[in-house]
Amino acid sequence: MTGAAAIAAGTAGKIALDVVLLTQTEVGEVHERPAPGRGGSSALPQKQNPVDAIEILAAVRGVNAQAGVVLSSMVQEHERAAGAWQAEWPALSELFLLAGGVTSRLVSMLSSLEVDADRMRRNLDLTKGLVMAEPLATALGGRIDPAQARDLVDAAIGKARENGRPFEEVVREDRDIRRHLETDALRDALDPAHALGESSQLIDRALARHRSMERATDA
């Protein structure tokens, strides 16, 4: 139980940390929906803190600390330890209280999350398309020797950086790359929307499992 609770809390902590990083002014891709009396800064009136994410991260540290107490109590002398098993109970109680708080805050955070898709796109465009160099190399490597594909992509990267030009523009002018990738394949390789991998399927699978568990609980 201790390990399962700590792992679940750690998973929530990972999500919360991503939210904190994505809410930074320099990134600004997501925000917790503002609510009266929550998130305002005592010193900076313009600031909106991601309070649910912050509380999750604080609680996760407490969960980890209490899990350490419980796990360290596994080493006991003879049939019953002096002090070890007595230390388990308050640690275990605190661990589950904190883990419950993490779960509650995670629901609150995710249900109030606002995503700025336009800002996401602008951030992707900061590199002038260079962020798509890997998908291009992968697509090209499926048609020719991967080492040769990497050389062609590296050359295009160098030319784009040297001249300050968009990566896609340089690639479309490269006859060696275009010889191996037709127009549609090249367009897909340079489009961030086609670089999501298996994420959609993984999300659908997780949601389907959650719904099945809900039905089993209701039954």
N, C-alpha and C. Protein backbone atom coordinates (compact mmCIF):
# COMPACT_ATOMS: atom_id res chain seq x y z
N MET A 1 0.83 -1.21 0.00
CA MET A 1 0.00 0.00 0.00
C MET A 1 0.86 1.25 0.00
N THR A 2 1.92 1.22 0.78
CA THR A 2 2.80 2.38 0.85
C THR A 2 3.41 2.70 -0.51
N GLY A 3 3.95 1.65 -1.16
CA GLY A 3 4.57 1.86 -2.46
C GLY A 3 3.57 2.34 -3.49
N ALA A 4 2.38 1.76 -3.51
CA ALA A 4 1.36 2.15 -4.48
C ALA A 4 0.94 3.60 -4.28
N ALA A 5 0.76 4.00 -3.02
CA ALA A 5 0.37 5.38 -2.73
C ALA A 5 1.47 6.36 -3.13
N ALA A 6 2.71 5.99 -2.86
CA ALA A 6 3.83 6.87 -3.20
C ALA A 6 3.99 7.01 -4.71
N ILE A 7 3.80 5.90 -5.42
CA ILE A 7 3.90 5.96 -6.89
C ILE A 7 2.76 6.79 -7.47
N ALA A 8 1.55 6.61 -6.97
CA ALA A 8 0.41 7.40 -7.45
C ALA A 8 0.62 8.89 -7.18
N ALA A 9 1.11 9.19 -5.98
CA ALA A 9 1.38 10.60 -5.65
C ALA A 9 2.48 11.16 -6.54
N GLY A 10 3.52 10.35 -6.79
CA GLY A 10 4.60 10.81 -7.65
C GLY A 10 4.13 11.08 -9.06
N THR A 11 3.21 10.26 -9.56
CA THR A 11 2.63 10.50 -10.89
C THR A 11 1.90 11.83 -10.93
N ALA A 12 1.10 12.09 -9.90
CA ALA A 12 0.40 13.37 -9.81
C ALA A 12 1.40 14.52 -9.71
N GLY A 13 2.49 14.29 -8.97
CA GLY A 13 3.52 15.32 -8.84
C GLY A 13 4.17 15.65 -10.17
N LYS A 14 4.40 14.63 -10.99
CA LYS A 14 4.96 14.87 -12.32
C LYS A 14 4.04 15.76 -13.14
N ILE A 15 2.75 15.47 -13.11
CA ILE A 15 1.77 16.28 -13.84
C ILE A 15 1.77 17.71 -13.31
N ALA A 16 1.79 17.85 -11.99
CA ALA A 16 1.77 19.18 -11.37
C ALA A 16 3.01 19.98 -11.73
N LEU A 17 4.16 19.32 -11.73
CA LEU A 17 5.39 20.04 -12.08
C LEU A 17 5.36 20.52 -13.53
N ASP A 18 4.83 19.69 -14.42
CA ASP A 18 4.68 20.13 -15.81
C ASP A 18 3.79 21.37 -15.90
N VAL A 19 2.71 21.36 -15.13
CA VAL A 19 1.81 22.52 -15.14
C VAL A 19 2.53 23.77 -14.65
N VAL A 20 3.28 23.63 -13.55
CA VAL A 20 4.03 24.78 -13.02
C VAL A 20 4.98 25.33 -14.08
N LEU A 21 5.70 24.46 -14.75
CA LEU A 21 6.64 24.91 -15.78
C LEU A 21 5.94 25.54 -16.97
N LEU A 22 4.79 24.99 -17.33
CA LEU A 22 4.07 25.51 -18.50
C LEU A 22 3.34 26.82 -18.21
N THR A 23 3.14 27.14 -16.91
CA THR A 23 2.49 28.41 -16.57
C THR A 23 3.47 29.57 -16.46
N GLN A 24 4.78 29.28 -16.52
CA GLN A 24 5.76 30.35 -16.44
C GLN A 24 5.51 31.40 -17.53
N THR A 25 5.77 32.64 -17.21
CA THR A 25 5.55 33.73 -18.16
C THR A 25 6.25 33.47 -19.48
N GLU A 26 7.46 32.93 -19.42
CA GLU A 26 8.23 32.70 -20.63
C GLU A 26 7.63 31.60 -21.50
N VAL A 27 6.79 30.74 -20.92
CA VAL A 27 6.18 29.65 -21.67
C VAL A 27 4.70 29.95 -21.91
N GLY A 28 3.94 30.08 -20.81
CA GLY A 28 2.56 30.54 -20.88
C GLY A 28 1.62 29.68 -21.70
N GLU A 29 1.79 28.36 -21.66
CA GLU A 29 0.94 27.51 -22.50
C GLU A 29 -0.31 27.02 -21.78
N VAL A 30 -0.29 26.96 -20.45
CA VAL A 30 -1.47 26.57 -19.69
C VAL A 30 -1.61 27.48 -18.47
N HIS A 31 -2.82 27.50 -17.92
CA HIS A 31 -3.10 28.30 -16.72
C HIS A 31 -4.17 27.60 -15.91
N GLU A 32 -4.07 27.68 -14.59
CA GLU A 32 -5.19 27.28 -13.76
C GLU A 32 -6.22 28.41 -13.80
N ARG A 33 -7.48 28.04 -13.95
CA ARG A 33 -8.53 29.05 -14.05
C ARG A 33 -8.59 29.88 -12.77
N PRO A 34 -8.51 31.22 -12.88
CA PRO A 34 -8.52 32.07 -11.68
C PRO A 34 -9.81 31.90 -10.89
N ALA A 35 -9.70 31.99 -9.58
CA ALA A 35 -10.86 31.93 -8.69
C ALA A 35 -10.66 32.95 -7.58
N PRO A 36 -11.74 33.56 -7.10
CA PRO A 36 -11.61 34.56 -6.05
C PRO A 36 -10.89 34.00 -4.82
N GLY A 37 -9.86 34.73 -4.37
CA GLY A 37 -9.14 34.34 -3.17
C GLY A 37 -8.13 33.24 -3.36
N ARG A 38 -7.88 32.82 -4.59
CA ARG A 38 -6.93 31.74 -4.83
C ARG A 38 -5.94 32.14 -5.92
N GLY A 39 -4.67 31.97 -5.62
CA GLY A 39 -3.65 32.14 -6.64
C GLY A 39 -3.02 33.51 -6.74
N GLY A 40 -3.63 34.51 -6.13
CA GLY A 40 -3.08 35.85 -6.20
C GLY A 40 -1.79 35.96 -5.39
N SER A 41 -0.87 36.78 -5.87
CA SER A 41 0.40 36.99 -5.17
C SER A 41 0.25 38.12 -4.16
N SER A 42 0.86 37.94 -2.98
CA SER A 42 0.80 38.97 -1.96
C SER A 42 1.66 40.17 -2.33
N ALA A 43 2.65 39.98 -3.21
CA ALA A 43 3.57 41.07 -3.56
C ALA A 43 3.42 41.55 -5.00
N LEU A 44 2.96 40.67 -5.89
CA LEU A 44 2.87 41.01 -7.31
C LEU A 44 1.41 40.92 -7.75
N PRO A 45 0.72 42.04 -7.85
CA PRO A 45 -0.71 42.01 -8.17
C PRO A 45 -1.05 41.34 -9.49
N GLN A 46 -0.12 41.39 -10.45
CA GLN A 46 -0.40 40.83 -11.77
C GLN A 46 -0.21 39.33 -11.84
N LYS A 47 0.34 38.73 -10.78
CA LYS A 47 0.73 37.32 -10.83
C LYS A 47 -0.42 36.42 -10.39
N GLN A 48 -0.56 35.30 -11.11
CA GLN A 48 -1.54 34.28 -10.74
C GLN A 48 -0.80 32.97 -10.54
N ASN A 49 -0.69 32.54 -9.29
CA ASN A 49 0.06 31.33 -8.98
C ASN A 49 -0.76 30.07 -9.25
N PRO A 50 -0.14 29.00 -9.74
CA PRO A 50 -0.83 27.72 -9.94
C PRO A 50 -0.94 26.97 -8.61
N VAL A 51 -1.88 27.39 -7.78
CA VAL A 51 -1.91 26.93 -6.40
C VAL A 51 -2.18 25.44 -6.26
N ASP A 52 -3.04 24.88 -7.09
CA ASP A 52 -3.31 23.44 -6.98
C ASP A 52 -2.04 22.65 -7.26
N ALA A 53 -1.32 23.05 -8.30
CA ALA A 53 -0.08 22.36 -8.65
C ALA A 53 0.95 22.50 -7.53
N ILE A 54 1.03 23.68 -6.96
CA ILE A 54 1.99 23.92 -5.87
C ILE A 54 1.65 23.06 -4.66
N GLU A 55 0.37 22.97 -4.31
CA GLU A 55 -0.03 22.17 -3.16
C GLU A 55 0.22 20.68 -3.40
N ILE A 56 0.04 20.24 -4.63
CA ILE A 56 0.34 18.84 -4.97
C ILE A 56 1.81 18.55 -4.74
N LEU A 57 2.66 19.44 -5.26
CA LEU A 57 4.10 19.23 -5.13
C LEU A 57 4.55 19.23 -3.67
N ALA A 58 3.94 20.09 -2.86
CA ALA A 58 4.28 20.11 -1.43
C ALA A 58 3.84 18.81 -0.76
N ALA A 59 2.65 18.34 -1.10
CA ALA A 59 2.14 17.11 -0.49
C ALA A 59 2.94 15.89 -0.92
N VAL A 60 3.38 15.87 -2.17
CA VAL A 60 4.17 14.73 -2.66
C VAL A 60 5.45 14.58 -1.85
N ARG A 61 6.06 15.70 -1.50
CA ARG A 61 7.27 15.62 -0.68
C ARG A 61 6.97 15.00 0.68
N GLY A 62 5.81 15.33 1.22
CA GLY A 62 5.41 14.72 2.49
C GLY A 62 5.14 13.23 2.34
N VAL A 63 4.50 12.85 1.24
CA VAL A 63 4.25 11.42 0.97
C VAL A 63 5.56 10.66 0.90
N ASN A 64 6.53 11.21 0.17
CA ASN A 64 7.82 10.54 0.03
C ASN A 64 8.52 10.38 1.38
N ALA A 65 8.42 11.42 2.21
CA ALA A 65 9.06 11.36 3.53
C ALA A 65 8.43 10.27 4.39
N GLN A 66 7.10 10.20 4.40
CA GLN A 66 6.42 9.20 5.23
C GLN A 66 6.62 7.80 4.67
N ALA A 67 6.69 7.68 3.33
CA ALA A 67 6.96 6.37 2.74
C ALA A 67 8.33 5.87 3.17
N GLY A 68 9.28 6.79 3.30
CA GLY A 68 10.61 6.42 3.76
C GLY A 68 10.59 5.86 5.17
N VAL A 69 9.76 6.46 6.03
CA VAL A 69 9.65 5.96 7.41
C VAL A 69 9.09 4.54 7.41
N VAL A 70 8.04 4.33 6.63
CA VAL A 70 7.41 3.00 6.59
C VAL A 70 8.37 1.96 6.03
N LEU A 71 9.03 2.28 4.93
CA LEU A 71 9.92 1.31 4.30
C LEU A 71 11.15 1.02 5.17
N SER A 72 11.64 2.03 5.86
CA SER A 72 12.80 1.80 6.73
C SER A 72 12.44 0.92 7.93
N SER A 73 11.15 0.86 8.26
CA SER A 73 10.71 0.04 9.38
C SER A 73 10.60 -1.44 9.02
N MET A 74 10.86 -1.78 7.77
CA MET A 74 10.83 -3.19 7.38
C MET A 74 11.92 -3.99 8.06
N VAL A 75 13.03 -3.35 8.38
CA VAL A 75 14.14 -4.05 9.04
C VAL A 75 13.86 -4.03 10.55
N GLN A 76 13.48 -5.19 11.09
CA GLN A 76 13.11 -5.28 12.51
C GLN A 76 13.83 -6.45 13.17
N GLU A 77 14.14 -6.27 14.43
CA GLU A 77 14.82 -7.33 15.17
C GLU A 77 13.79 -8.34 15.69
N HIS A 78 14.12 -9.61 15.56
CA HIS A 78 13.30 -10.71 16.05
C HIS A 78 11.86 -10.61 15.54
N GLU A 79 10.91 -10.99 16.39
CA GLU A 79 9.51 -11.02 15.94
C GLU A 79 8.86 -9.63 15.93
N ARG A 80 9.27 -8.77 16.84
CA ARG A 80 8.65 -7.44 16.92
C ARG A 80 9.70 -6.42 17.32
N ALA A 81 9.80 -5.38 16.51
CA ALA A 81 10.86 -4.39 16.73
C ALA A 81 10.49 -3.42 17.85
N ALA A 82 11.51 -2.85 18.41
CA ALA A 82 11.32 -1.81 19.42
C ALA A 82 11.40 -0.45 18.73
N GLY A 83 10.25 0.13 18.46
CA GLY A 83 10.20 1.46 17.85
C GLY A 83 9.86 1.47 16.38
N ALA A 84 10.26 0.44 15.65
CA ALA A 84 10.03 0.46 14.20
C ALA A 84 8.55 0.35 13.86
N TRP A 85 7.89 -0.67 14.43
CA TRP A 85 6.48 -0.81 14.08
C TRP A 85 5.63 0.30 14.68
N GLN A 86 6.07 0.84 15.83
CA GLN A 86 5.34 1.97 16.39
C GLN A 86 5.44 3.21 15.50
N ALA A 87 6.55 3.31 14.76
CA ALA A 87 6.73 4.46 13.87
C ALA A 87 5.90 4.35 12.61
N GLU A 88 5.49 3.12 12.28
CA GLU A 88 4.76 2.91 11.03
C GLU A 88 3.39 3.58 11.04
N TRP A 89 2.69 3.48 12.17
CA TRP A 89 1.28 3.88 12.17
C TRP A 89 1.08 5.37 11.93
N PRO A 90 1.74 6.25 12.66
CA PRO A 90 1.55 7.67 12.34
C PRO A 90 2.04 8.02 10.95
N ALA A 91 3.13 7.37 10.51
CA ALA A 91 3.64 7.65 9.16
C ALA A 91 2.64 7.22 8.10
N LEU A 92 2.06 6.03 8.30
CA LEU A 92 1.10 5.51 7.33
C LEU A 92 -0.16 6.38 7.29
N SER A 93 -0.61 6.82 8.46
CA SER A 93 -1.80 7.69 8.51
C SER A 93 -1.54 9.00 7.78
N GLU A 94 -0.40 9.61 8.06
CA GLU A 94 -0.06 10.87 7.40
C GLU A 94 0.12 10.68 5.90
N LEU A 95 0.72 9.56 5.52
CA LEU A 95 0.93 9.28 4.10
C LEU A 95 -0.40 9.26 3.35
N PHE A 96 -1.38 8.55 3.89
CA PHE A 96 -2.66 8.45 3.19
C PHE A 96 -3.45 9.75 3.22
N LEU A 97 -3.31 10.52 4.29
CA LEU A 97 -3.94 11.84 4.31
C LEU A 97 -3.37 12.73 3.21
N LEU A 98 -2.05 12.72 3.08
CA LEU A 98 -1.40 13.54 2.06
C LEU A 98 -1.72 13.03 0.65
N ALA A 99 -1.71 11.71 0.48
CA ALA A 99 -2.02 11.13 -0.83
C ALA A 99 -3.46 11.46 -1.24
N GLY A 100 -4.37 11.45 -0.27
CA GLY A 100 -5.75 11.85 -0.57
C GLY A 100 -5.84 13.30 -0.98
N GLY A 101 -5.05 14.16 -0.31
CA GLY A 101 -5.01 15.57 -0.69
C GLY A 101 -4.45 15.76 -2.08
N VAL A 102 -3.43 14.98 -2.42
CA VAL A 102 -2.85 15.04 -3.77
C VAL A 102 -3.91 14.71 -4.81
N THR A 103 -4.67 13.65 -4.57
CA THR A 103 -5.71 13.23 -5.52
C THR A 103 -6.77 14.31 -5.69
N SER A 104 -7.20 14.89 -4.57
CA SER A 104 -8.22 15.93 -4.61
C SER A 104 -7.73 17.16 -5.38
N ARG A 105 -6.51 17.56 -5.11
CA ARG A 105 -5.96 18.73 -5.79
C ARG A 105 -5.73 18.46 -7.27
N LEU A 106 -5.38 17.22 -7.60
CA LEU A 106 -5.17 16.88 -9.01
C LEU A 106 -6.47 17.01 -9.80
N VAL A 107 -7.57 16.54 -9.22
CA VAL A 107 -8.88 16.69 -9.87
C VAL A 107 -9.20 18.16 -10.07
N SER A 108 -8.98 18.96 -9.02
CA SER A 108 -9.25 20.40 -9.10
C SER A 108 -8.40 21.07 -10.17
N MET A 109 -7.11 20.72 -10.20
CA MET A 109 -6.19 21.34 -11.15
C MET A 109 -6.55 21.01 -12.59
N LEU A 110 -6.78 19.74 -12.86
CA LEU A 110 -7.05 19.34 -14.23
C LEU A 110 -8.40 19.85 -14.73
N SER A 111 -9.37 19.92 -13.83
CA SER A 111 -10.69 20.39 -14.25
C SER A 111 -10.73 21.89 -14.50
N SER A 112 -9.72 22.62 -13.96
CA SER A 112 -9.71 24.08 -14.14
C SER A 112 -8.61 24.53 -15.11
N LEU A 113 -7.93 23.58 -15.73
CA LEU A 113 -6.80 23.93 -16.58
C LEU A 113 -7.26 24.56 -17.89
N GLU A 114 -6.65 25.69 -18.22
CA GLU A 114 -6.93 26.38 -19.47
C GLU A 114 -5.70 26.30 -20.37
N VAL A 115 -5.89 25.84 -21.58
CA VAL A 115 -4.79 25.63 -22.52
C VAL A 115 -4.79 26.74 -23.57
N ASP A 116 -3.63 27.35 -23.78
CA ASP A 116 -3.47 28.39 -24.78
C ASP A 116 -2.81 27.78 -26.02
N ALA A 117 -3.63 27.29 -26.95
CA ALA A 117 -3.11 26.61 -28.13
C ALA A 117 -2.31 27.56 -29.02
N ASP A 118 -2.74 28.81 -29.09
CA ASP A 118 -2.01 29.77 -29.92
C ASP A 118 -0.60 30.00 -29.38
N ARG A 119 -0.47 30.08 -28.03
CA ARG A 119 0.84 30.26 -27.44
C ARG A 119 1.72 29.03 -27.68
N MET A 120 1.11 27.87 -27.62
CA MET A 120 1.86 26.65 -27.90
C MET A 120 2.44 26.69 -29.31
N ARG A 121 1.62 27.13 -30.25
CA ARG A 121 2.08 27.19 -31.63
C ARG A 121 3.20 28.22 -31.78
N ARG A 122 3.05 29.36 -31.12
CA ARG A 122 4.11 30.38 -31.20
C ARG A 122 5.42 29.86 -30.61
N ASN A 123 5.32 29.12 -29.52
CA ASN A 123 6.53 28.55 -28.92
C ASN A 123 7.19 27.54 -29.85
N LEU A 124 6.38 26.76 -30.54
CA LEU A 124 6.93 25.81 -31.51
C LEU A 124 7.65 26.54 -32.64
N ASP A 125 7.13 27.70 -32.98
CA ASP A 125 7.70 28.45 -34.10
C ASP A 125 8.95 29.23 -33.73
N LEU A 126 9.33 29.24 -32.45
CA LEU A 126 10.51 30.00 -32.04
C LEU A 126 11.78 29.53 -32.73
N THR A 127 11.84 28.24 -33.04
CA THR A 127 13.04 27.71 -33.69
C THR A 127 12.96 27.80 -35.22
N LYS A 128 11.91 28.44 -35.72
CA LYS A 128 11.70 28.55 -37.18
C LYS A 128 11.66 27.17 -37.84
N GLY A 129 11.04 26.23 -37.14
CA GLY A 129 10.83 24.91 -37.71
C GLY A 129 11.89 23.89 -37.39
N LEU A 130 12.99 24.29 -36.74
CA LEU A 130 14.05 23.34 -36.45
C LEU A 130 13.61 22.23 -35.49
N VAL A 131 12.55 22.48 -34.73
CA VAL A 131 12.05 21.46 -33.81
C VAL A 131 11.59 20.22 -34.56
N MET A 132 11.33 20.35 -35.87
CA MET A 132 10.86 19.22 -36.65
C MET A 132 11.99 18.48 -37.36
N ALA A 133 13.23 18.79 -36.99
CA ALA A 133 14.37 18.12 -37.64
C ALA A 133 14.37 16.62 -37.37
N GLU A 134 14.04 16.21 -36.14
CA GLU A 134 14.05 14.78 -35.82
C GLU A 134 12.98 14.01 -36.60
N PRO A 135 11.71 14.48 -36.62
CA PRO A 135 10.72 13.76 -37.44
C PRO A 135 11.12 13.69 -38.91
N LEU A 136 11.75 14.75 -39.41
CA LEU A 136 12.20 14.72 -40.81
C LEU A 136 13.27 13.66 -40.99
N ALA A 137 14.24 13.59 -40.08
CA ALA A 137 15.31 12.59 -40.18
C ALA A 137 14.73 11.18 -40.09
N THR A 138 13.72 11.00 -39.24
CA THR A 138 13.09 9.68 -39.10
C THR A 138 12.37 9.29 -40.38
N ALA A 139 11.62 10.23 -40.94
CA ALA A 139 10.89 9.94 -42.19
C ALA A 139 11.87 9.65 -43.32
N LEU A 140 12.91 10.44 -43.40
CA LEU A 140 13.90 10.26 -44.45
C LEU A 140 14.67 8.96 -44.25
N GLY A 141 14.94 8.62 -42.99
CA GLY A 141 15.66 7.40 -42.68
C GLY A 141 14.89 6.14 -43.01
N GLY A 142 13.56 6.28 -43.21
CA GLY A 142 12.76 5.14 -43.63
C GLY A 142 12.87 4.88 -45.12
N ARG A 143 13.45 5.83 -45.84
CA ARG A 143 13.57 5.70 -47.30
C ARG A 143 15.01 5.43 -47.75
N ILE A 144 15.97 5.95 -47.00
CA ILE A 144 17.38 5.79 -47.35
C ILE A 144 18.16 5.38 -46.11
N ASP A 145 19.45 5.19 -46.26
CA ASP A 145 20.29 4.85 -45.12
C ASP A 145 20.15 5.92 -44.02
N PRO A 146 19.87 5.52 -42.78
CA PRO A 146 19.66 6.50 -41.71
C PRO A 146 20.83 7.46 -41.52
N ALA A 147 22.05 6.97 -41.70
CA ALA A 147 23.21 7.86 -41.54
C ALA A 147 23.22 8.92 -42.64
N GLN A 148 22.88 8.51 -43.85
CA GLN A 148 22.81 9.47 -44.95
C GLN A 148 21.68 10.47 -44.71
N ALA A 149 20.55 9.98 -44.20
CA ALA A 149 19.42 10.86 -43.89
C ALA A 149 19.82 11.90 -42.87
N ARG A 150 20.55 11.48 -41.83
CA ARG A 150 20.98 12.42 -40.80
C ARG A 150 21.94 13.46 -41.38
N ASP A 151 22.81 13.05 -42.29
CA ASP A 151 23.72 14.02 -42.92
C ASP A 151 22.96 15.07 -43.71
N LEU A 152 21.94 14.64 -44.43
CA LEU A 152 21.15 15.59 -45.22
C LEU A 152 20.41 16.58 -44.32
N VAL A 153 19.84 16.05 -43.23
CA VAL A 153 19.10 16.92 -42.31
C VAL A 153 20.06 17.87 -41.59
N ASP A 154 21.22 17.38 -41.19
CA ASP A 154 22.20 18.23 -40.51
C ASP A 154 22.65 19.37 -41.43
N ALA A 155 22.82 19.07 -42.70
CA ALA A 155 23.21 20.10 -43.66
C ALA A 155 22.12 21.17 -43.79
N ALA A 156 20.87 20.73 -43.81
CA ALA A 156 19.76 21.68 -43.90
C ALA A 156 19.66 22.53 -42.64
N ILE A 157 19.90 21.92 -41.49
CA ILE A 157 19.90 22.67 -40.22
C ILE A 157 20.98 23.75 -40.26
N GLY A 158 22.17 23.38 -40.69
CA GLY A 158 23.26 24.35 -40.75
C GLY A 158 22.95 25.51 -41.67
N LYS A 159 22.36 25.21 -42.81
CA LYS A 159 22.03 26.27 -43.76
C LYS A 159 20.94 27.19 -43.20
N ALA A 160 19.95 26.61 -42.52
CA ALA A 160 18.87 27.42 -41.95
C ALA A 160 19.42 28.35 -40.86
N ARG A 161 20.28 27.82 -40.02
CA ARG A 161 20.85 28.63 -38.94
C ARG A 161 21.78 29.71 -39.49
N GLU A 162 22.57 29.36 -40.45
CA GLU A 162 23.54 30.30 -41.00
C GLU A 162 22.87 31.49 -41.66
N ASN A 163 21.76 31.23 -42.33
CA ASN A 163 21.09 32.29 -43.08
C ASN A 163 19.87 32.86 -42.35
N GLY A 164 19.52 32.29 -41.17
CA GLY A 164 18.37 32.77 -40.43
C GLY A 164 17.06 32.53 -41.14
N ARG A 165 16.99 31.46 -41.91
CA ARG A 165 15.80 31.17 -42.70
C ARG A 165 14.96 30.08 -42.05
N PRO A 166 13.67 30.01 -42.34
CA PRO A 166 12.83 28.92 -41.83
C PRO A 166 13.34 27.57 -42.31
N PHE A 167 13.34 26.60 -41.42
CA PHE A 167 13.83 25.27 -41.74
C PHE A 167 13.05 24.65 -42.89
N GLU A 168 11.74 24.79 -42.87
CA GLU A 168 10.91 24.19 -43.92
C GLU A 168 11.27 24.77 -45.29
N GLU A 169 11.52 26.05 -45.34
CA GLU A 169 11.88 26.69 -46.60
C GLU A 169 13.17 26.12 -47.16
N VAL A 170 14.15 25.93 -46.29
CA VAL A 170 15.43 25.37 -46.72
C VAL A 170 15.26 23.93 -47.18
N VAL A 171 14.47 23.15 -46.44
CA VAL A 171 14.26 21.74 -46.78
C VAL A 171 13.57 21.60 -48.13
N ARG A 172 12.57 22.43 -48.38
CA ARG A 172 11.83 22.32 -49.64
C ARG A 172 12.69 22.71 -50.85
N GLU A 173 13.75 23.43 -50.62
CA GLU A 173 14.66 23.79 -51.71
C GLU A 173 15.75 22.74 -51.92
N ASP A 174 15.85 21.79 -50.97
CA ASP A 174 16.91 20.79 -51.03
C ASP A 174 16.50 19.64 -51.96
N ARG A 175 17.15 19.54 -53.09
CA ARG A 175 16.78 18.54 -54.09
C ARG A 175 17.05 17.12 -53.60
N ASP A 176 18.11 16.94 -52.80
CA ASP A 176 18.43 15.61 -52.31
C ASP A 176 17.35 15.09 -51.36
N ILE A 177 16.83 15.96 -50.50
CA ILE A 177 15.76 15.54 -49.59
C ILE A 177 14.47 15.30 -50.36
N ARG A 178 14.14 16.21 -51.26
CA ARG A 178 12.88 16.09 -52.02
C ARG A 178 12.89 14.88 -52.94
N ARG A 179 14.06 14.42 -53.33
CA ARG A 179 14.14 13.25 -54.20
C ARG A 179 13.67 11.99 -53.47
N HIS A 180 13.80 11.99 -52.16
CA HIS A 180 13.44 10.80 -51.39
C HIS A 180 12.11 10.92 -50.66
N LEU A 181 11.59 12.12 -50.52
CA LEU A 181 10.30 12.32 -49.85
C LEU A 181 9.36 13.10 -50.76
N GLU A 182 8.25 12.47 -51.13
CA GLU A 182 7.27 13.17 -51.96
C GLU A 182 6.61 14.29 -51.16
N THR A 183 5.84 15.10 -51.84
CA THR A 183 5.28 16.32 -51.23
C THR A 183 4.48 16.03 -49.97
N ASP A 184 3.58 15.05 -50.02
CA ASP A 184 2.73 14.76 -48.86
C ASP A 184 3.55 14.26 -47.67
N ALA A 185 4.51 13.37 -47.93
CA ALA A 185 5.35 12.84 -46.85
C ALA A 185 6.21 13.93 -46.25
N LEU A 186 6.69 14.84 -47.08
CA LEU A 186 7.51 15.95 -46.59
C LEU A 186 6.68 16.90 -45.74
N ARG A 187 5.47 17.18 -46.19
CA ARG A 187 4.58 18.07 -45.44
C ARG A 187 4.27 17.48 -44.06
N ASP A 188 3.98 16.19 -44.01
CA ASP A 188 3.67 15.55 -42.74
C ASP A 188 4.87 15.56 -41.80
N ALA A 189 6.06 15.33 -42.36
CA ALA A 189 7.26 15.29 -41.54
C ALA A 189 7.59 16.64 -40.93
N LEU A 190 7.13 17.71 -41.55
CA LEU A 190 7.43 19.06 -41.07
C LEU A 190 6.29 19.69 -40.28
N ASP A 191 5.21 18.94 -40.09
CA ASP A 191 4.03 19.46 -39.38
C ASP A 191 4.00 18.94 -37.94
N PRO A 192 4.09 19.81 -36.93
CA PRO A 192 4.07 19.35 -35.53
C PRO A 192 2.85 18.51 -35.18
N ALA A 193 1.75 18.74 -35.87
CA ALA A 193 0.53 17.98 -35.58
C ALA A 193 0.69 16.50 -35.91
N HIS A 194 1.67 16.17 -36.75
CA HIS A 194 1.90 14.77 -37.12
C HIS A 194 3.03 14.16 -36.30
N ALA A 195 3.47 14.84 -35.27
CA ALA A 195 4.59 14.35 -34.45
C ALA A 195 4.15 13.96 -33.05
N LEU A 196 2.91 13.54 -32.90
CA LEU A 196 2.36 13.21 -31.59
C LEU A 196 2.55 11.75 -31.22
N GLY A 197 3.08 10.96 -32.14
CA GLY A 197 3.35 9.56 -31.83
C GLY A 197 2.09 8.80 -31.43
N GLU A 198 2.21 8.02 -30.34
CA GLU A 198 1.11 7.18 -29.88
C GLU A 198 0.29 7.85 -28.77
N SER A 199 0.50 9.16 -28.57
CA SER A 199 -0.14 9.83 -27.43
C SER A 199 -1.66 9.73 -27.45
N SER A 200 -2.26 9.90 -28.62
CA SER A 200 -3.73 9.85 -28.70
C SER A 200 -4.25 8.46 -28.31
N GLN A 201 -3.58 7.42 -28.80
CA GLN A 201 -4.01 6.06 -28.45
C GLN A 201 -3.82 5.78 -26.97
N LEU A 202 -2.72 6.27 -26.40
CA LEU A 202 -2.48 6.06 -24.97
C LEU A 202 -3.54 6.78 -24.12
N ILE A 203 -3.91 7.98 -24.54
CA ILE A 203 -4.95 8.73 -23.82
C ILE A 203 -6.28 7.99 -23.90
N ASP A 204 -6.64 7.53 -25.10
CA ASP A 204 -7.91 6.80 -25.28
C ASP A 204 -7.92 5.53 -24.43
N ARG A 205 -6.78 4.85 -24.37
CA ARG A 205 -6.69 3.61 -23.59
C ARG A 205 -6.86 3.90 -22.10
N ALA A 206 -6.21 4.97 -21.63
CA ALA A 206 -6.31 5.32 -20.21
C ALA A 206 -7.74 5.72 -19.85
N LEU A 207 -8.39 6.50 -20.72
CA LEU A 207 -9.77 6.91 -20.44
C LEU A 207 -10.71 5.72 -20.46
N ALA A 208 -10.51 4.80 -21.41
CA ALA A 208 -11.36 3.62 -21.48
C ALA A 208 -11.21 2.77 -20.21
N ARG A 209 -9.99 2.64 -19.72
CA ARG A 209 -9.76 1.88 -18.49
C ARG A 209 -10.42 2.56 -17.30
N HIS A 210 -10.33 3.90 -17.26
CA HIS A 210 -10.95 4.64 -16.16
C HIS A 210 -12.47 4.44 -16.18
N ARG A 211 -13.07 4.51 -17.36
CA ARG A 211 -14.53 4.34 -17.45
C ARG A 211 -14.96 2.93 -17.04
N SER A 212 -14.16 1.93 -17.43
CA SER A 212 -14.49 0.56 -17.05
C SER A 212 -14.41 0.37 -15.54
N MET A 213 -13.42 1.03 -14.91
CA MET A 213 -13.30 0.94 -13.46
C MET A 213 -14.47 1.63 -12.77
N GLU A 214 -14.93 2.75 -13.35
CA GLU A 214 -16.08 3.45 -12.79
C GLU A 214 -17.33 2.57 -12.87
N ARG A 215 -17.52 1.91 -14.01
CA ARG A 215 -18.68 1.02 -14.17
C ARG A 215 -18.62 -0.14 -13.18
N ALA A 216 -17.43 -0.68 -12.99
CA ALA A 216 -17.28 -1.79 -12.04
C ALA A 216 -17.59 -1.33 -10.62
N THR A 217 -17.19 -0.12 -10.28
CA THR A 217 -17.45 0.42 -8.94
C THR A 217 -18.95 0.64 -8.73
N ASP A 218 -19.61 1.20 -9.75
CA ASP A 218 -21.06 1.46 -9.65
C ASP A 218 -21.85 0.17 -9.54
N ALA A 219 -21.35 -0.88 -10.21
CA ALA A 219 -22.06 -2.15 -10.16
C ALA A 219 -21.97 -2.80 -8.77
